[in-house]
Amino acid sequence: MFGLINPLYKIAGVVLFVVFVFGAGYYKGYQKLSEYKTQQEMLNEQIVKRQDIITEGIKNEYKANIDRLRRTYGRVQHNGTTTVTVPSKGTDGASSNLLLDCAITTQQLVSLQDWMTQQLKFQE
């Protein structure tokens, strides 16, 4: 019975079968890849939103701490009395309130460490 079928038809049938099988596998793989990309995009959006929330919280906390430091160190203690200082920059451009400068620098480092710690906790 198979001897009656033209060999070209047999070859064409085998080729079509192979193309169909590979095409179906490719389509399923493409669907899985599309689903994976969609899930990754959603996950990335959630991560970015969470990181923005962390960054905004640290930024607000930092600003509040800097304002507190400026209020605290904006006045210099002299023998138990509080006096208002001269402007923070002297005539030569050097800072006249080193305590405030040191406190602000320290606060910057503390805030950066807090931000980094929260980011790392979020990634775990």
C-alpha atoms as a PDB file:
ATOM      1  CA  MET A   1       0.000   0.000   0.000  1.00  0.00           C
ATOM      2  CA  PHE A   2       2.823   2.373   0.880  1.00  0.00           C
ATOM      3  CA  GLY A   3       4.485   1.533  -2.374  1.00  0.00           C
ATOM      4  CA  LEU A   4       1.660   3.270  -4.185  1.00  0.00           C
ATOM      5  CA  ILE A   5       2.392   6.670  -2.588  1.00  0.00           C
ATOM      6  CA  ASN A   6       4.800   8.836  -4.526  1.00  0.00           C
ATOM      7  CA  PRO A   7       8.141   9.245  -2.650  1.00  0.00           C
ATOM      8  CA  LEU A   8       7.880  13.032  -3.039  1.00  0.00           C
ATOM      9  CA  TYR A   9       4.621  12.979  -1.096  1.00  0.00           C
ATOM     10  CA  LYS A  10       6.282  10.904   1.608  1.00  0.00           C
ATOM     11  CA  ILE A  11       9.130  13.408   1.898  1.00  0.00           C
ATOM     12  CA  ALA A  12       6.695  16.341   1.882  1.00  0.00           C
ATOM     13  CA  GLY A  13       4.608  14.634   4.603  1.00  0.00           C
ATOM     14  CA  VAL A  14       7.658  14.027   6.803  1.00  0.00           C
ATOM     15  CA  VAL A  15       8.841  17.627   6.290  1.00  0.00           C
ATOM     16  CA  LEU A  16       5.407  18.996   7.159  1.00  0.00           C
ATOM     17  CA  PHE A  17       5.240  16.791  10.258  1.00  0.00           C
ATOM     18  CA  VAL A  18       8.688  17.946  11.408  1.00  0.00           C
ATOM     19  CA  VAL A  19       7.799  21.603  10.757  1.00  0.00           C
ATOM     20  CA  PHE A  20       4.544  21.173  12.685  1.00  0.00           C
ATOM     21  CA  VAL A  21       6.284  19.532  15.660  1.00  0.00           C
ATOM     22  CA  PHE A  22       9.048  22.140  15.814  1.00  0.00           C
ATOM     23  CA  GLY A  23       6.558  24.967  15.233  1.00  0.00           C
ATOM     24  CA  ALA A  24       4.352  23.767  18.098  1.00  0.00           C
ATOM     25  CA  GLY A  25       7.368  23.488  20.394  1.00  0.00           C
ATOM     26  CA  TYR A  26       8.575  26.931  19.376  1.00  0.00           C
ATOM     27  CA  TYR A  27       5.127  28.427  20.002  1.00  0.00           C
ATOM     28  CA  LYS A  28       4.909  26.874  23.485  1.00  0.00           C
ATOM     29  CA  GLY A  29       8.402  28.132  24.299  1.00  0.00           C
ATOM     30  CA  TYR A  30       7.510  31.587  23.032  1.00  0.00           C
ATOM     31  CA  GLN A  31       4.391  31.638  25.223  1.00  0.00           C
ATOM     32  CA  LYS A  32       6.429  30.644  28.284  1.00  0.00           C
ATOM     33  CA  LEU A  33       8.988  33.336  27.489  1.00  0.00           C
ATOM     34  CA  SER A  34       6.258  35.959  27.110  1.00  0.00           C
ATOM     35  CA  GLU A  35       4.711  34.965  30.447  1.00  0.00           C
ATOM     36  CA  TYR A  36       8.129  35.068  32.105  1.00  0.00           C
ATOM     37  CA  LYS A  37       8.846  38.536  30.684  1.00  0.00           C
ATOM     38  CA  THR A  38       5.481  39.792  31.931  1.00  0.00           C
ATOM     39  CA  GLN A  39       6.116  38.392  35.419  1.00  0.00           C
ATOM     40  CA  GLN A  40       9.608  39.917  35.484  1.00  0.00           C
ATOM     41  CA  GLU A  41       8.269  43.321  34.425  1.00  0.00           C
ATOM     42  CA  MET A  42       5.668  43.212  37.198  1.00  0.00           C
ATOM     43  CA  LEU A  43       8.304  42.133  39.724  1.00  0.00           C
ATOM     44  CA  ASN A  44      10.651  44.891  38.559  1.00  0.00           C
ATOM     45  CA  GLU A  45       7.896  47.489  38.945  1.00  0.00           C
ATOM     46  CA  GLN A  46       7.228  46.292  42.496  1.00  0.00           C
ATOM     47  CA  ILE A  47      10.931  46.425  43.340  1.00  0.00           C
ATOM     48  CA  VAL A  48      11.293  49.942  41.939  1.00  0.00           C
ATOM     49  CA  LYS A  49       8.224  51.131  43.868  1.00  0.00           C
ATOM     50  CA  ARG A  50       9.529  49.605  47.100  1.00  0.00           C
ATOM     51  CA  GLN A  51      12.966  51.131  46.575  1.00  0.00           C
ATOM     52  CA  ASP A  52      11.392  54.520  45.889  1.00  0.00           C
ATOM     53  CA  ILE A  53       9.416  54.247  49.144  1.00  0.00           C
ATOM     54  CA  ILE A  54      12.585  53.375  51.065  1.00  0.00           C
ATOM     55  CA  THR A  55      14.518  56.208  49.428  1.00  0.00           C
ATOM     56  CA  GLU A  56      11.757  58.746  50.084  1.00  0.00           C
ATOM     57  CA  GLY A  57      11.493  57.669  53.730  1.00  0.00           C
ATOM     58  CA  ILE A  58      15.233  57.976  54.282  1.00  0.00           C
ATOM     59  CA  LYS A  59      15.273  61.327  52.466  1.00  0.00           C
ATOM     60  CA  ASN A  60      12.502  62.730  54.673  1.00  0.00           C
ATOM     61  CA  GLU A  61      14.190  61.374  57.790  1.00  0.00           C
ATOM     62  CA  TYR A  62      17.499  62.887  56.673  1.00  0.00           C
ATOM     63  CA  LYS A  63      15.958  66.308  56.069  1.00  0.00           C
ATOM     64  CA  ALA A  64      14.289  66.255  59.478  1.00  0.00           C
ATOM     65  CA  ASN A  65      17.554  65.256  61.163  1.00  0.00           C
ATOM     66  CA  ILE A  66      19.519  67.966  59.340  1.00  0.00           C
ATOM     67  CA  ASP A  67      16.954  70.576  60.394  1.00  0.00           C
ATOM     68  CA  ARG A  68      17.238  69.348  63.975  1.00  0.00           C
ATOM     69  CA  LEU A  69      21.031  69.521  63.791  1.00  0.00           C
ATOM     70  CA  ARG A  70      20.919  73.053  62.398  1.00  0.00           C
ATOM     71  CA  ARG A  71      18.653  74.096  65.272  1.00  0.00           C
ATOM     72  CA  THR A  72      20.833  72.312  67.839  1.00  0.00           C
ATOM     73  CA  TYR A  73      24.276  73.350  66.565  1.00  0.00           C
ATOM     74  CA  GLY A  74      23.173  76.680  65.153  1.00  0.00           C
ATOM     75  CA  ARG A  75      23.756  78.043  68.643  1.00  0.00           C
ATOM     76  CA  VAL A  76      27.131  77.795  70.301  1.00  0.00           C
ATOM     77  CA  GLN A  77      27.472  77.122  74.031  1.00  0.00           C
ATOM     78  CA  HIS A  78      29.653  79.628  75.953  1.00  0.00           C
ATOM     79  CA  ASN A  79      29.950  79.049  79.693  1.00  0.00           C
ATOM     80  CA  GLY A  80      26.446  77.693  79.962  1.00  0.00           C
ATOM     81  CA  THR A  81      24.806  80.522  78.012  1.00  0.00           C
ATOM     82  CA  THR A  82      23.439  80.147  74.521  1.00  0.00           C
ATOM     83  CA  THR A  83      24.329  82.769  71.949  1.00  0.00           C
ATOM     84  CA  VAL A  84      23.443  82.993  68.309  1.00  0.00           C
ATOM     85  CA  THR A  85      26.464  82.523  66.081  1.00  0.00           C
ATOM     86  CA  VAL A  86      27.652  84.626  63.197  1.00  0.00           C
ATOM     87  CA  PRO A  87      26.790  83.415  59.703  1.00  0.00           C
ATOM     88  CA  SER A  88      28.037  79.901  59.043  1.00  0.00           C
ATOM     89  CA  LYS A  89      30.665  81.042  56.530  1.00  0.00           C
ATOM     90  CA  GLY A  90      33.433  83.359  57.589  1.00  0.00           C
ATOM     91  CA  THR A  91      35.018  86.032  55.416  1.00  0.00           C
ATOM     92  CA  ASP A  92      37.654  83.636  54.130  1.00  0.00           C
ATOM     93  CA  GLY A  93      35.024  81.100  53.068  1.00  0.00           C
ATOM     94  CA  ALA A  94      35.869  78.669  55.847  1.00  0.00           C
ATOM     95  CA  SER A  95      33.059  77.346  57.956  1.00  0.00           C
ATOM     96  CA  SER A  96      32.751  79.011  61.331  1.00  0.00           C
ATOM     97  CA  ASN A  97      30.711  76.180  62.864  1.00  0.00           C
ATOM     98  CA  LEU A  98      32.747  73.006  62.682  1.00  0.00           C
ATOM     99  CA  LEU A  99      30.440  71.165  65.068  1.00  0.00           C
ATOM    100  CA  LEU A 100      27.528  71.648  62.682  1.00  0.00           C
ATOM    101  CA  ASP A 101      29.615  70.590  59.681  1.00  0.00           C
ATOM    102  CA  CYS A 102      30.783  67.435  61.471  1.00  0.00           C
ATOM    103  CA  ALA A 103      27.252  66.630  62.636  1.00  0.00           C
ATOM    104  CA  ILE A 104      25.856  67.039  59.104  1.00  0.00           C
ATOM    105  CA  THR A 105      28.595  64.852  57.621  1.00  0.00           C
ATOM    106  CA  THR A 106      27.966  62.210  60.264  1.00  0.00           C
ATOM    107  CA  GLN A 107      24.221  62.362  59.587  1.00  0.00           C
ATOM    108  CA  GLN A 108      24.864  61.894  55.874  1.00  0.00           C
ATOM    109  CA  LEU A 109      26.837  58.734  56.575  1.00  0.00           C
ATOM    110  CA  VAL A 110      24.263  57.404  59.053  1.00  0.00           C
ATOM    111  CA  SER A 111      21.425  58.054  56.589  1.00  0.00           C
ATOM    112  CA  LEU A 112      23.366  56.366  53.787  1.00  0.00           C
ATOM    113  CA  GLN A 113      23.970  53.340  56.006  1.00  0.00           C
ATOM    114  CA  ASP A 114      20.271  53.195  56.931  1.00  0.00           C
ATOM    115  CA  TRP A 115      19.302  53.408  53.264  1.00  0.00           C
ATOM    116  CA  MET A 116      21.736  50.661  52.311  1.00  0.00           C
ATOM    117  CA  THR A 117      20.611  48.416  55.178  1.00  0.00           C
ATOM    118  CA  GLN A 118      16.946  48.786  54.225  1.00  0.00           C
ATOM    119  CA  GLN A 119      17.694  48.132  50.547  1.00  0.00           C
ATOM    120  CA  LEU A 120      19.603  44.972  51.409  1.00  0.00           C
ATOM    121  CA  LYS A 121      16.845  43.743  53.740  1.00  0.00           C
ATOM    122  CA  PHE A 122      14.341  44.269  50.945  1.00  0.00           C
ATOM    123  CA  GLN A 123      16.403  42.201  48.501  1.00  0.00           C
ATOM    124  CA  GLU A 124      16.504  39.189  50.830  1.00  0.00           C
END
